[in-house]
PDB file of all heavy atoms in Angstrom:
ATOM      1  N   PRO A   1     -22.828  -5.670  11.844  1.00  0.00           N
ATOM      2  CA  PRO A   1     -23.867  -5.249  10.894  1.00  0.00           C
ATOM      3  C   PRO A   1     -24.561  -6.445  10.243  1.00  0.00           C
ATOM      4  O   PRO A   1     -24.168  -7.604  10.424  1.00  0.00           O
ATOM      5  CB  PRO A   1     -23.079  -4.445   9.849  1.00  0.00           C
ATOM      6  CG  PRO A   1     -21.729  -4.211  10.436  1.00  0.00           C
ATOM      7  CD  PRO A   1     -21.479  -5.329  11.392  1.00  0.00           C
ATOM      8  N   SER A   2     -25.556  -6.145   9.432  1.00  0.00           N
ATOM      9  CA  SER A   2     -26.242  -7.195   8.687  1.00  0.00           C
ATOM     10  C   SER A   2     -25.310  -7.748   7.616  1.00  0.00           C
ATOM     11  O   SER A   2     -24.302  -7.130   7.260  1.00  0.00           O
ATOM     12  CB  SER A   2     -27.506  -6.641   8.027  1.00  0.00           C
ATOM     13  OG  SER A   2     -27.143  -5.709   7.013  1.00  0.00           O
ATOM     14  N   GLU A   3     -25.663  -8.898   7.086  1.00  0.00           N
ATOM     15  CA  GLU A   3     -24.836  -9.522   6.062  1.00  0.00           C
ATOM     16  C   GLU A   3     -24.738  -8.656   4.809  1.00  0.00           C
ATOM     17  O   GLU A   3     -23.703  -8.619   4.147  1.00  0.00           O
ATOM     18  CB  GLU A   3     -25.389 -10.910   5.710  1.00  0.00           C
ATOM     19  CG  GLU A   3     -25.278 -11.916   6.836  1.00  0.00           C
ATOM     20  CD  GLU A   3     -23.857 -12.097   7.333  1.00  0.00           C
ATOM     21  OE1 GLU A   3     -22.946 -12.218   6.495  1.00  0.00           O
ATOM     22  OE2 GLU A   3     -23.652 -12.102   8.566  1.00  0.00           O
ATOM     23  N   ASP A   4     -25.805  -7.941   4.467  1.00  0.00           N
ATOM     24  CA  ASP A   4     -25.769  -7.053   3.292  1.00  0.00           C
ATOM     25  C   ASP A   4     -24.732  -5.947   3.478  1.00  0.00           C
ATOM     26  O   ASP A   4     -23.999  -5.606   2.544  1.00  0.00           O
ATOM     27  CB  ASP A   4     -27.150  -6.439   3.045  1.00  0.00           C
ATOM     28  CG  ASP A   4     -28.154  -7.467   2.535  1.00  0.00           C
ATOM     29  OD1 ASP A   4     -27.697  -8.523   2.037  1.00  0.00           O
ATOM     30  OD2 ASP A   4     -29.357  -7.220   2.645  1.00  0.00           O
ATOM     31  N   GLU A   5     -24.686  -5.387   4.684  1.00  0.00           N
ATOM     32  CA  GLU A   5     -23.697  -4.335   4.946  1.00  0.00           C
ATOM     33  C   GLU A   5     -22.280  -4.898   4.921  1.00  0.00           C
ATOM     34  O   GLU A   5     -21.353  -4.261   4.422  1.00  0.00           O
ATOM     35  CB  GLU A   5     -23.979  -3.695   6.307  1.00  0.00           C
ATOM     36  CG  GLU A   5     -25.264  -2.887   6.367  1.00  0.00           C
ATOM     37  CD  GLU A   5     -25.516  -2.345   7.763  1.00  0.00           C
ATOM     38  OE1 GLU A   5     -26.032  -3.094   8.608  1.00  0.00           O
ATOM     39  OE2 GLU A   5     -25.172  -1.172   7.998  1.00  0.00           O
ATOM     40  N   LEU A   6     -22.118  -6.115   5.438  1.00  0.00           N
ATOM     41  CA  LEU A   6     -20.797  -6.728   5.440  1.00  0.00           C
ATOM     42  C   LEU A   6     -20.330  -7.027   4.019  1.00  0.00           C
ATOM     43  O   LEU A   6     -19.147  -6.898   3.705  1.00  0.00           O
ATOM     44  CB  LEU A   6     -20.813  -8.022   6.259  1.00  0.00           C
ATOM     45  CG  LEU A   6     -20.968  -7.851   7.765  1.00  0.00           C
ATOM     46  CD1 LEU A   6     -21.091  -9.202   8.431  1.00  0.00           C
ATOM     47  CD2 LEU A   6     -19.794  -7.083   8.345  1.00  0.00           C
ATOM     48  N   ASN A   7     -21.259  -7.411   3.164  1.00  0.00           N
ATOM     49  CA  ASN A   7     -20.890  -7.715   1.785  1.00  0.00           C
ATOM     50  C   ASN A   7     -20.358  -6.493   1.054  1.00  0.00           C
ATOM     51  O   ASN A   7     -19.554  -6.602   0.135  1.00  0.00           O
ATOM     52  CB  ASN A   7     -22.090  -8.289   1.027  1.00  0.00           C
ATOM     53  CG  ASN A   7     -22.436  -9.687   1.491  1.00  0.00           C
ATOM     54  OD1 ASN A   7     -21.592 -10.388   2.035  1.00  0.00           O
ATOM     55  ND2 ASN A   7     -23.677 -10.091   1.294  1.00  0.00           N
ATOM     56  N   ALA A   8     -20.808  -5.306   1.469  1.00  0.00           N
ATOM     57  CA  ALA A   8     -20.311  -4.084   0.841  1.00  0.00           C
ATOM     58  C   ALA A   8     -18.846  -3.847   1.163  1.00  0.00           C
ATOM     59  O   ALA A   8     -18.118  -3.200   0.412  1.00  0.00           O
ATOM     60  CB  ALA A   8     -21.146  -2.889   1.316  1.00  0.00           C
ATOM     61  N   PHE A   9     -18.400  -4.386   2.311  1.00  0.00           N
ATOM     62  CA  PHE A   9     -17.001  -4.233   2.706  1.00  0.00           C
ATOM     63  C   PHE A   9     -16.143  -5.387   2.198  1.00  0.00           C
ATOM     64  O   PHE A   9     -14.931  -5.300   2.152  1.00  0.00           O
ATOM     65  CB  PHE A   9     -16.917  -4.170   4.236  1.00  0.00           C
ATOM     66  CG  PHE A   9     -15.528  -3.938   4.772  1.00  0.00           C
ATOM     67  CD1 PHE A   9     -14.726  -2.918   4.285  1.00  0.00           C
ATOM     68  CD2 PHE A   9     -15.021  -4.744   5.772  1.00  0.00           C
ATOM     69  CE1 PHE A   9     -13.449  -2.700   4.784  1.00  0.00           C
ATOM     70  CE2 PHE A   9     -13.746  -4.543   6.288  1.00  0.00           C
ATOM     71  CZ  PHE A   9     -12.961  -3.511   5.783  1.00  0.00           C
ATOM     72  N   ALA A  10     -16.801  -6.490   1.806  1.00  0.00           N
ATOM     73  CA  ALA A  10     -16.059  -7.667   1.353  1.00  0.00           C
ATOM     74  C   ALA A  10     -15.459  -7.429  -0.019  1.00  0.00           C
ATOM     75  O   ALA A  10     -15.900  -6.566  -0.779  1.00  0.00           O
ATOM     76  CB  ALA A  10     -16.983  -8.878   1.307  1.00  0.00           C
ATOM     77  N   GLN A  11     -14.473  -8.217  -0.341  1.00  0.00           N
ATOM     78  CA  GLN A  11     -13.830  -8.103  -1.637  1.00  0.00           C
ATOM     79  C   GLN A  11     -14.753  -8.629  -2.724  1.00  0.00           C
ATOM     80  O   GLN A  11     -15.535  -9.532  -2.516  1.00  0.00           O
ATOM     81  CB  GLN A  11     -12.531  -8.905  -1.659  1.00  0.00           C
ATOM     82  CG  GLN A  11     -11.543  -8.441  -0.622  1.00  0.00           C
ATOM     83  CD  GLN A  11     -10.247  -9.233  -0.704  1.00  0.00           C
ATOM     84  OE1 GLN A  11      -9.921  -9.775  -1.730  1.00  0.00           O
ATOM     85  NE2 GLN A  11      -9.528  -9.280   0.381  1.00  0.00           N
ATOM     86  N   SER A  12     -14.617  -8.056  -3.919  1.00  0.00           N
ATOM     87  CA  SER A  12     -15.390  -8.494  -5.071  1.00  0.00           C
ATOM     88  C   SER A  12     -14.443  -8.731  -6.235  1.00  0.00           C
ATOM     89  O   SER A  12     -13.338  -8.206  -6.271  1.00  0.00           O
ATOM     90  CB  SER A  12     -16.433  -7.439  -5.451  1.00  0.00           C
ATOM     91  OG  SER A  12     -15.786  -6.234  -5.776  1.00  0.00           O
ATOM     92  N   GLN A  13     -14.881  -9.553  -7.171  1.00  0.00           N
ATOM     93  CA  GLN A  13     -14.059  -9.849  -8.333  1.00  0.00           C
ATOM     94  C   GLN A  13     -14.272  -8.797  -9.419  1.00  0.00           C
ATOM     95  O   GLN A  13     -15.317  -8.188  -9.539  1.00  0.00           O
ATOM     96  CB  GLN A  13     -14.423 -11.234  -8.899  1.00  0.00           C
ATOM     97  CG  GLN A  13     -14.122 -12.353  -7.935  1.00  0.00           C
ATOM     98  CD  GLN A  13     -12.641 -12.450  -7.629  1.00  0.00           C
ATOM     99  OE1 GLN A  13     -11.816 -12.308  -8.515  1.00  0.00           O
ATOM    100  NE2 GLN A  13     -12.327 -12.681  -6.367  1.00  0.00           N
ATOM    101  N   ASP A  14     -13.259  -8.593 -10.229  1.00  0.00           N
ATOM    102  CA  ASP A  14     -13.373  -7.619 -11.302  1.00  0.00           C
ATOM    103  C   ASP A  14     -12.585  -8.115 -12.498  1.00  0.00           C
ATOM    104  O   ASP A  14     -11.905  -9.136 -12.447  1.00  0.00           O
ATOM    105  CB  ASP A  14     -12.866  -6.248 -10.844  1.00  0.00           C
ATOM    106  CG  ASP A  14     -13.549  -5.101 -11.603  1.00  0.00           C
ATOM    107  OD1 ASP A  14     -14.083  -5.358 -12.708  1.00  0.00           O
ATOM    108  OD2 ASP A  14     -13.525  -3.992 -11.094  1.00  0.00           O
ATOM    109  N   GLU A  15     -12.672  -7.381 -13.598  1.00  0.00           N
ATOM    110  CA  GLU A  15     -12.044  -7.817 -14.834  1.00  0.00           C
ATOM    111  C   GLU A  15     -10.521  -7.722 -14.738  1.00  0.00           C
ATOM    112  O   GLU A  15      -9.965  -7.000 -13.932  1.00  0.00           O
ATOM    113  CB  GLU A  15     -12.541  -6.949 -15.998  1.00  0.00           C
ATOM    114  CG  GLU A  15     -12.189  -5.483 -15.858  1.00  0.00           C
ATOM    115  CD  GLU A  15     -12.725  -4.672 -17.001  1.00  0.00           C
ATOM    116  OE1 GLU A  15     -12.250  -4.843 -18.133  1.00  0.00           O
ATOM    117  OE2 GLU A  15     -13.622  -3.860 -16.737  1.00  0.00           O
ATOM    118  N   ASP A  16      -9.845  -8.494 -15.569  1.00  0.00           N
ATOM    119  CA  ASP A  16      -8.393  -8.547 -15.581  1.00  0.00           C
ATOM    120  C   ASP A  16      -7.826  -7.321 -16.283  1.00  0.00           C
ATOM    121  O   ASP A  16      -8.488  -6.670 -17.090  1.00  0.00           O
ATOM    122  CB  ASP A  16      -7.951  -9.827 -16.296  1.00  0.00           C
ATOM    123  CG  ASP A  16      -6.521 -10.203 -15.969  1.00  0.00           C
ATOM    124  OD1 ASP A  16      -5.892  -9.467 -15.193  1.00  0.00           O
ATOM    125  OD2 ASP A  16      -6.068 -11.230 -16.493  1.00  0.00           O
ATOM    126  N   PHE A  17      -6.575  -6.988 -15.959  1.00  0.00           N
ATOM    127  CA  PHE A  17      -5.864  -5.898 -16.618  1.00  0.00           C
ATOM    128  C   PHE A  17      -5.400  -6.384 -17.990  1.00  0.00           C
ATOM    129  O   PHE A  17      -4.717  -7.370 -18.110  1.00  0.00           O
ATOM    130  CB  PHE A  17      -4.663  -5.506 -15.764  1.00  0.00           C
ATOM    131  CG  PHE A  17      -3.715  -4.541 -16.437  1.00  0.00           C
ATOM    132  CD1 PHE A  17      -4.148  -3.298 -16.845  1.00  0.00           C
ATOM    133  CD2 PHE A  17      -2.396  -4.890 -16.638  1.00  0.00           C
ATOM    134  CE1 PHE A  17      -3.282  -2.415 -17.431  1.00  0.00           C
ATOM    135  CE2 PHE A  17      -1.512  -4.010 -17.230  1.00  0.00           C
ATOM    136  CZ  PHE A  17      -1.957  -2.768 -17.635  1.00  0.00           C
ATOM    137  N   SER A  18      -5.812  -5.673 -19.037  1.00  0.00           N
ATOM    138  CA  SER A  18      -5.475  -6.161 -20.368  1.00  0.00           C
ATOM    139  C   SER A  18      -5.036  -5.058 -21.324  1.00  0.00           C
ATOM    140  O   SER A  18      -4.859  -5.303 -22.503  1.00  0.00           O
ATOM    141  CB  SER A  18      -6.680  -6.893 -20.971  1.00  0.00           C
ATOM    142  OG  SER A  18      -7.802  -6.020 -21.027  1.00  0.00           O
ATOM    143  N   GLN A  19      -4.870  -3.839 -20.836  1.00  0.00           N
ATOM    144  CA  GLN A  19      -4.551  -2.731 -21.729  1.00  0.00           C
ATOM    145  C   GLN A  19      -3.064  -2.622 -22.034  1.00  0.00           C
ATOM    146  O   GLN A  19      -2.676  -2.217 -23.108  1.00  0.00           O
ATOM    147  CB  GLN A  19      -5.057  -1.412 -21.116  1.00  0.00           C
ATOM    148  CG  GLN A  19      -6.563  -1.390 -20.924  1.00  0.00           C
ATOM    149  CD  GLN A  19      -7.311  -1.588 -22.224  1.00  0.00           C
ATOM    150  OE1 GLN A  19      -6.952  -1.013 -23.243  1.00  0.00           O
ATOM    151  NE2 GLN A  19      -8.323  -2.436 -22.200  1.00  0.00           N
ATOM    152  N   GLN A  20      -2.220  -2.966 -21.033  1.00  0.00           N
ATOM    153  CA  GLN A  20      -0.791  -2.843 -21.249  1.00  0.00           C
ATOM    154  C   GLN A  20      -0.228  -4.097 -21.896  1.00  0.00           C
ATOM    155  O   GLN A  20      -0.694  -5.201 -21.638  1.00  0.00           O
ATOM    156  CB  GLN A  20      -0.072  -2.598 -19.910  1.00  0.00           C
ATOM    157  CG  GLN A  20      -0.322  -1.220 -19.346  1.00  0.00           C
ATOM    158  CD  GLN A  20       0.267  -0.137 -20.228  1.00  0.00           C
ATOM    159  OE1 GLN A  20       1.393  -0.226 -20.671  1.00  0.00           O
ATOM    160  NE2 GLN A  20      -0.525   0.886 -20.499  1.00  0.00           N
ATOM    161  N   PRO A  21       0.767  -3.971 -22.757  1.00  0.00           N
ATOM    162  CA  PRO A  21       1.372  -5.152 -23.366  1.00  0.00           C
ATOM    163  C   PRO A  21       2.068  -6.003 -22.322  1.00  0.00           C
ATOM    164  O   PRO A  21       2.591  -5.491 -21.343  1.00  0.00           O
ATOM    165  CB  PRO A  21       2.379  -4.565 -24.368  1.00  0.00           C
ATOM    166  CG  PRO A  21       2.694  -3.203 -23.830  1.00  0.00           C
ATOM    167  CD  PRO A  21       1.421  -2.715 -23.205  1.00  0.00           C
ATOM    168  N   ASN A  22       2.062  -7.299 -22.546  1.00  0.00           N
ATOM    169  CA  ASN A  22       2.736  -8.236 -21.644  1.00  0.00           C
ATOM    170  C   ASN A  22       4.221  -8.214 -21.950  1.00  0.00           C
ATOM    171  O   ASN A  22       4.683  -8.870 -22.888  1.00  0.00           O
ATOM    172  CB  ASN A  22       2.152  -9.638 -21.845  1.00  0.00           C
ATOM    173  CG  ASN A  22       2.698 -10.609 -20.824  1.00  0.00           C
ATOM    174  OD1 ASN A  22       3.550 -10.254 -20.016  1.00  0.00           O
ATOM    175  ND2 ASN A  22       2.204 -11.828 -20.866  1.00  0.00           N
ATOM    176  N   ASN A  23       4.946  -7.435 -21.164  1.00  0.00           N
ATOM    177  CA  ASN A  23       6.368  -7.226 -21.430  1.00  0.00           C
ATOM    178  C   ASN A  23       7.172  -7.574 -20.193  1.00  0.00           C
ATOM    179  O   ASN A  23       7.351  -6.741 -19.321  1.00  0.00           O
ATOM    180  CB  ASN A  23       6.608  -5.759 -21.841  1.00  0.00           C
ATOM    181  CG  ASN A  23       8.076  -5.495 -22.128  1.00  0.00           C
ATOM    182  OD1 ASN A  23       8.857  -6.425 -22.306  1.00  0.00           O
ATOM    183  ND2 ASN A  23       8.435  -4.218 -22.160  1.00  0.00           N
ATOM    184  N   PRO A  24       7.677  -8.818 -20.093  1.00  0.00           N
ATOM    185  CA  PRO A  24       8.393  -9.220 -18.894  1.00  0.00           C
ATOM    186  C   PRO A  24       9.816  -8.709 -18.815  1.00  0.00           C
ATOM    187  O   PRO A  24      10.483  -8.905 -17.816  1.00  0.00           O
ATOM    188  CB  PRO A  24       8.380 -10.751 -18.982  1.00  0.00           C
ATOM    189  CG  PRO A  24       8.329 -11.027 -20.444  1.00  0.00           C
ATOM    190  CD  PRO A  24       7.536  -9.913 -21.058  1.00  0.00           C
ATOM    191  N   SER A  25      10.310  -8.073 -19.854  1.00  0.00           N
ATOM    192  CA  SER A  25      11.706  -7.642 -19.835  1.00  0.00           C
ATOM    193  C   SER A  25      11.879  -6.388 -19.002  1.00  0.00           C
ATOM    194  O   SER A  25      11.181  -5.407 -19.188  1.00  0.00           O
ATOM    195  CB  SER A  25      12.188  -7.386 -21.261  1.00  0.00           C
ATOM    196  OG  SER A  25      11.453  -6.345 -21.850  1.00  0.00           O
ATOM    197  N   ASN A  26      12.788  -6.430 -18.044  1.00  0.00           N
ATOM    198  CA  ASN A  26      13.119  -5.269 -17.230  1.00  0.00           C
ATOM    199  C   ASN A  26      14.460  -5.529 -16.575  1.00  0.00           C
ATOM    200  O   ASN A  26      15.091  -6.558 -16.787  1.00  0.00           O
ATOM    201  CB  ASN A  26      12.032  -4.996 -16.175  1.00  0.00           C
ATOM    202  CG  ASN A  26      11.691  -6.237 -15.382  1.00  0.00           C
ATOM    203  OD1 ASN A  26      12.539  -6.758 -14.683  1.00  0.00           O
ATOM    204  ND2 ASN A  26      10.462  -6.708 -15.528  1.00  0.00           N
ATOM    205  N   ASN A  27      14.899  -4.601 -15.761  1.00  0.00           N
ATOM    206  CA  ASN A  27      16.220  -4.725 -15.174  1.00  0.00           C
ATOM    207  C   ASN A  27      16.245  -5.585 -13.915  1.00  0.00           C
ATOM    208  O   ASN A  27      17.297  -5.913 -13.414  1.00  0.00           O
ATOM    209  CB  ASN A  27      16.768  -3.328 -14.823  1.00  0.00           C
ATOM    210  CG  ASN A  27      16.956  -2.494 -16.077  1.00  0.00           C
ATOM    211  OD1 ASN A  27      17.321  -3.021 -17.124  1.00  0.00           O
ATOM    212  ND2 ASN A  27      16.696  -1.194 -15.969  1.00  0.00           N
ATOM    213  N   GLY A  28      15.090  -5.920 -13.380  1.00  0.00           N
ATOM    214  CA  GLY A  28      15.062  -6.688 -12.141  1.00  0.00           C
ATOM    215  C   GLY A  28      15.378  -8.148 -12.370  1.00  0.00           C
ATOM    216  O   GLY A  28      14.967  -8.731 -13.362  1.00  0.00           O
ATOM    217  N   GLN A  29      16.117  -8.743 -11.446  1.00  0.00           N
ATOM    218  CA  GLN A  29      16.494 -10.147 -11.564  1.00  0.00           C
ATOM    219  C   GLN A  29      15.994 -10.968 -10.385  1.00  0.00           C
ATOM    220  O   GLN A  29      15.430 -12.038 -10.569  1.00  0.00           O
ATOM    221  CB  GLN A  29      18.024 -10.270 -11.672  1.00  0.00           C
ATOM    222  CG  GLN A  29      18.609  -9.652 -12.929  1.00  0.00           C
ATOM    223  CD  GLN A  29      18.131 -10.334 -14.200  1.00  0.00           C
ATOM    224  OE1 GLN A  29      17.984 -11.544 -14.237  1.00  0.00           O
ATOM    225  NE2 GLN A  29      17.873  -9.553 -15.230  1.00  0.00           N
ATOM    226  N   ALA A  30      16.185 -10.486  -9.159  1.00  0.00           N
ATOM    227  CA  ALA A  30      15.864 -11.282  -7.965  1.00  0.00           C
ATOM    228  C   ALA A  30      14.387 -11.642  -7.906  1.00  0.00           C
ATOM    229  O   ALA A  30      14.027 -12.782  -7.611  1.00  0.00           O
ATOM    230  CB  ALA A  30      16.283 -10.533  -6.706  1.00  0.00           C
ATOM    231  N   SER A  31      13.514 -10.675  -8.172  1.00  0.00           N
ATOM    232  CA  SER A  31      12.084 -10.952  -8.067  1.00  0.00           C
ATOM    233  C   SER A  31      11.613 -11.878  -9.179  1.00  0.00           C
ATOM    234  O   SER A  31      10.709 -12.689  -8.982  1.00  0.00           O
ATOM    235  CB  SER A  31      11.285  -9.651  -8.087  1.00  0.00           C
ATOM    236  OG  SER A  31      11.573  -8.904  -9.243  1.00  0.00           O
ATOM    237  N   GLN A  32      12.225 -11.767 -10.370  1.00  0.00           N
ATOM    238  CA  GLN A  32      11.858 -12.677 -11.447  1.00  0.00           C
ATOM    239  C   GLN A  32      12.277 -14.097 -11.122  1.00  0.00           C
ATOM    240  O   GLN A  32      11.525 -15.059 -11.297  1.00  0.00           O
ATOM    241  CB  GLN A  32      12.507 -12.237 -12.762  1.00  0.00           C
ATOM    242  CG  GLN A  32      11.865 -10.997 -13.376  1.00  0.00           C
ATOM    243  CD  GLN A  32      12.399 -10.739 -14.774  1.00  0.00           C
ATOM    244  OE1 GLN A  32      12.315 -11.580 -15.646  1.00  0.00           O
ATOM    245  NE2 GLN A  32      12.963  -9.560 -14.965  1.00  0.00           N
ATOM    246  N   GLN A  33      13.507 -14.249 -10.611  1.00  0.00           N
ATOM    247  CA  GLN A  33      14.023 -15.574 -10.314  1.00  0.00           C
ATOM    248  C   GLN A  33      13.326 -16.193  -9.104  1.00  0.00           C
ATOM    249  O   GLN A  33      13.012 -17.387  -9.095  1.00  0.00           O
ATOM    250  CB  GLN A  33      15.528 -15.500 -10.063  1.00  0.00           C
ATOM    251  CG  GLN A  33      16.333 -15.120 -11.302  1.00  0.00           C
ATOM    252  CD  GLN A  33      17.807 -14.928 -10.984  1.00  0.00           C
ATOM    253  OE1 GLN A  33      18.216 -15.067  -9.836  1.00  0.00           O
ATOM    254  NE2 GLN A  33      18.592 -14.598 -12.004  1.00  0.00           N
ATOM    255  N   SER A  34      13.088 -15.397  -8.078  1.00  0.00           N
ATOM    256  CA  SER A  34      12.548 -15.924  -6.824  1.00  0.00           C
ATOM    257  C   SER A  34      11.029 -15.940  -6.775  1.00  0.00           C
ATOM    258  O   SER A  34      10.432 -16.798  -6.124  1.00  0.00           O
ATOM    259  CB  SER A  34      13.083 -15.110  -5.641  1.00  0.00           C
ATOM    260  OG  SER A  34      14.478 -15.211  -5.556  1.00  0.00           O
ATOM    261  N   LEU A  35      10.379 -14.986  -7.430  1.00  0.00           N
ATOM    262  CA  LEU A  35       8.922 -14.881  -7.371  1.00  0.00           C
ATOM    263  C   LEU A  35       8.242 -15.232  -8.686  1.00  0.00           C
ATOM    264  O   LEU A  35       7.063 -15.569  -8.700  1.00  0.00           O
ATOM    265  CB  LEU A  35       8.501 -13.459  -6.961  1.00  0.00           C
ATOM    266  CG  LEU A  35       8.919 -12.989  -5.567  1.00  0.00           C
ATOM    267  CD1 LEU A  35       8.494 -11.539  -5.361  1.00  0.00           C
ATOM    268  CD2 LEU A  35       8.317 -13.866  -4.494  1.00  0.00           C
TER     269      LEU A  35
END
């Protein structure tokens, strides 16, 4: 397709998630330590 059509399928930037409180406490350990 044309570049305009391809741009519609391409990724776009958007605003950050800011509604939920930043709460890192949870029961998971492996993903926190490794990731």
